[in-house]
């Protein structure tokens, strides 16, 4: 590119502007109306969409955690144990399953979750956790030396 004056060289935006605009228009390709075609409007719409995308990632995480908690709580209510006692008993047994795995077990593997809840009931009764007066000790669970006094 040949410039006749120094001022024309300063005013020339060159290929950088093309690629910068192209990046914005590429993100705005699925928008409708002038939000897709007009750069000054498209850049505002793209920045706003990217802000919502950032917020959406954290919202999605909290939504999944809420879903897992609901599923675990439903599984605990189905088997007659309180959620706090269930979590406390599993931690005392050194069973380190996270919320996602427990939720998957509660939904897709009910027999496995029942085994965990029976174990948790038995440990809760052994440790005299609050609210265990109403629990019946399962007969098919053996807790070998879990009680540490």
Protein backbone atom coordinates (compact mmCIF):
# COMPACT_ATOMS: atom_id res chain seq x y z
CA UNK A 1 0.00 0.00 0.00
CA UNK A 2 1.47 3.33 -1.10
CA UNK A 3 0.77 6.46 0.92
CA UNK A 4 1.14 9.89 -0.65
CA UNK A 5 1.33 11.70 2.68
CA UNK A 6 2.06 10.83 6.28
CA UNK A 7 -1.50 11.83 7.17
CA UNK A 8 -2.93 9.23 4.80
CA UNK A 9 -0.76 6.59 6.43
CA UNK A 10 -2.18 7.49 9.85
CA UNK A 11 -5.76 7.42 8.56
CA UNK A 12 -5.36 4.05 6.87
CA UNK A 13 -6.83 1.38 9.04
CA UNK A 14 -5.61 -1.47 6.92
CA UNK A 15 -6.36 -5.14 7.40
CA UNK A 16 -6.56 -4.93 11.20
CA UNK A 17 -9.96 -3.28 11.10
CA UNK A 18 -11.28 -5.91 8.69
CA UNK A 19 -10.27 -8.80 10.91
CA UNK A 20 -11.47 -7.07 14.07
CA UNK A 21 -14.89 -6.45 12.53
CA UNK A 22 -14.99 -9.92 11.05
CA UNK A 23 -14.48 -11.43 14.50
CA UNK A 24 -17.49 -9.50 15.86
CA UNK A 25 -19.67 -10.25 12.83
CA UNK A 26 -18.81 -13.94 13.07
CA UNK A 27 -20.09 -14.05 16.66
CA UNK A 28 -23.17 -12.01 15.67
CA UNK A 29 -24.00 -14.20 12.66
CA UNK A 30 -27.07 -15.78 14.25
CA UNK A 31 -28.51 -12.47 15.50
CA UNK A 32 -31.43 -10.91 13.62
CA UNK A 33 -31.81 -7.53 11.93
CA UNK A 34 -29.28 -4.75 12.39
CA UNK A 35 -27.76 -6.57 15.35
CA UNK A 36 -26.14 -8.78 12.73
CA UNK A 37 -25.30 -6.29 9.98
CA UNK A 38 -24.45 -2.95 11.61
CA UNK A 39 -21.07 -2.99 13.37
CA UNK A 40 -21.83 -0.40 16.06
CA UNK A 41 -25.01 -2.26 17.06
CA UNK A 42 -23.48 -5.70 16.59
CA UNK A 43 -20.57 -4.98 18.93
CA UNK A 44 -22.95 -3.95 21.74
CA UNK A 45 -25.06 -7.06 21.18
CA UNK A 46 -22.01 -9.33 21.12
CA UNK A 47 -20.58 -7.87 24.34
CA UNK A 48 -23.94 -8.31 26.03
CA UNK A 49 -24.26 -11.90 24.76
CA UNK A 50 -20.77 -12.73 26.03
CA UNK A 51 -21.65 -11.32 29.45
CA UNK A 52 -24.74 -13.54 29.59
CA UNK A 53 -22.65 -16.52 28.50
CA UNK A 54 -20.22 -15.89 31.35
CA UNK A 55 -23.05 -15.60 33.87
CA UNK A 56 -24.72 -18.66 32.37
CA UNK A 57 -21.73 -20.87 33.10
CA UNK A 58 -21.96 -20.20 36.83
CA UNK A 59 -25.76 -20.47 36.81
CA UNK A 60 -25.53 -23.84 35.08
CA UNK A 61 -23.17 -25.12 37.77
CA UNK A 62 -25.47 -24.02 40.59
CA UNK A 63 -28.49 -25.49 38.77
CA UNK A 64 -26.77 -28.85 38.49
CA UNK A 65 -25.81 -28.80 42.18
CA UNK A 66 -29.44 -28.03 43.08
CA UNK A 67 -30.61 -30.92 40.88
CA UNK A 68 -28.13 -33.32 42.51
CA UNK A 69 -29.21 -32.23 45.99
CA UNK A 70 -32.88 -32.74 45.08
CA UNK A 71 -32.20 -36.23 43.74
CA UNK A 72 -30.16 -37.25 46.77
CA UNK A 73 -32.80 -35.87 49.13
CA UNK A 74 -35.55 -37.76 47.26
CA UNK A 75 -33.55 -40.98 47.49
CA UNK A 76 -33.00 -40.47 51.21
CA UNK A 77 -36.70 -39.80 51.81
CA UNK A 78 -37.57 -42.92 49.82
CA UNK A 79 -35.42 -45.05 52.10
CA UNK A 80 -36.38 -43.26 55.32
CA UNK A 81 -33.20 -41.45 56.33
CA UNK A 82 -32.56 -37.75 56.77
CA UNK A 83 -30.13 -36.13 54.35
CA UNK A 84 -27.83 -34.74 57.05
CA UNK A 85 -27.59 -38.11 58.80
CA UNK A 86 -26.98 -39.78 55.46
CA UNK A 87 -24.07 -37.49 54.58
CA UNK A 88 -22.63 -37.59 58.09
CA UNK A 89 -22.80 -41.38 58.24
CA UNK A 90 -21.14 -41.81 54.85
CA UNK A 91 -18.30 -39.51 55.87
CA UNK A 92 -17.84 -41.46 59.11
CA UNK A 93 -17.57 -44.66 57.04
CA UNK A 94 -14.93 -43.04 54.80
CA UNK A 95 -17.20 -43.38 51.78
CA UNK A 96 -16.15 -40.40 49.69
CA UNK A 97 -18.74 -40.14 46.94
CA UNK A 98 -19.48 -36.69 45.58
CA UNK A 99 -22.95 -35.25 44.98
CA UNK A 100 -22.99 -36.13 41.30
CA UNK A 101 -22.23 -39.80 41.90
CA UNK A 102 -24.73 -40.04 44.76
CA UNK A 103 -27.42 -38.43 42.58
CA UNK A 104 -26.69 -40.85 39.73
CA UNK A 105 -26.91 -43.78 42.14
CA UNK A 106 -30.19 -42.47 43.55
CA UNK A 107 -31.76 -42.23 40.08
CA UNK A 108 -30.21 -45.03 38.04
CA UNK A 109 -29.02 -47.56 40.65
CA UNK A 110 -31.70 -47.69 43.36
CA UNK A 111 -30.42 -50.97 44.84
CA UNK A 112 -26.94 -49.54 45.31
CA UNK A 113 -28.38 -46.39 46.86
CA UNK A 114 -30.53 -48.52 49.17
CA UNK A 115 -27.41 -50.37 50.30
CA UNK A 116 -25.71 -47.04 51.03
CA UNK A 117 -28.75 -45.76 52.92
CA UNK A 118 -28.95 -48.98 54.98
CA UNK A 119 -25.27 -48.63 55.84
CA UNK A 120 -25.82 -44.97 56.72
CA UNK A 121 -28.79 -45.86 58.95
CA UNK A 122 -26.77 -48.48 60.77
CA UNK A 123 -23.84 -46.13 61.34
CA UNK A 124 -26.17 -43.32 62.42
CA UNK A 125 -27.73 -45.60 65.03
CA UNK A 126 -24.27 -46.77 66.21
CA UNK A 127 -23.08 -43.18 66.62
CA UNK A 128 -26.38 -42.00 68.18
CA UNK A 129 -26.78 -39.17 65.69
CA UNK A 130 -29.72 -36.84 66.38
CA UNK A 131 -33.01 -38.04 64.91
CA UNK A 132 -32.02 -41.71 64.80
CA UNK A 133 -34.61 -42.79 67.38
CA UNK A 134 -37.12 -43.42 64.60
CA UNK A 135 -34.76 -45.58 62.52
CA UNK A 136 -34.95 -49.36 62.54
CA UNK A 137 -31.51 -50.92 62.45
CA UNK A 138 -31.16 -52.86 59.18
CA UNK A 139 -30.52 -56.54 59.78
CA UNK A 140 -28.50 -57.14 56.62
CA UNK A 141 -25.74 -54.60 57.34
CA UNK A 142 -22.50 -55.42 59.09
CA UNK A 143 -20.35 -52.49 60.22
CA UNK A 144 -17.05 -54.01 61.21
CA UNK A 145 -15.34 -51.76 63.70
CA UNK A 146 -16.60 -48.49 62.28
CA UNK A 147 -17.50 -47.19 65.71
CA UNK A 148 -14.45 -45.33 67.05
CA UNK A 149 -14.81 -44.35 70.66
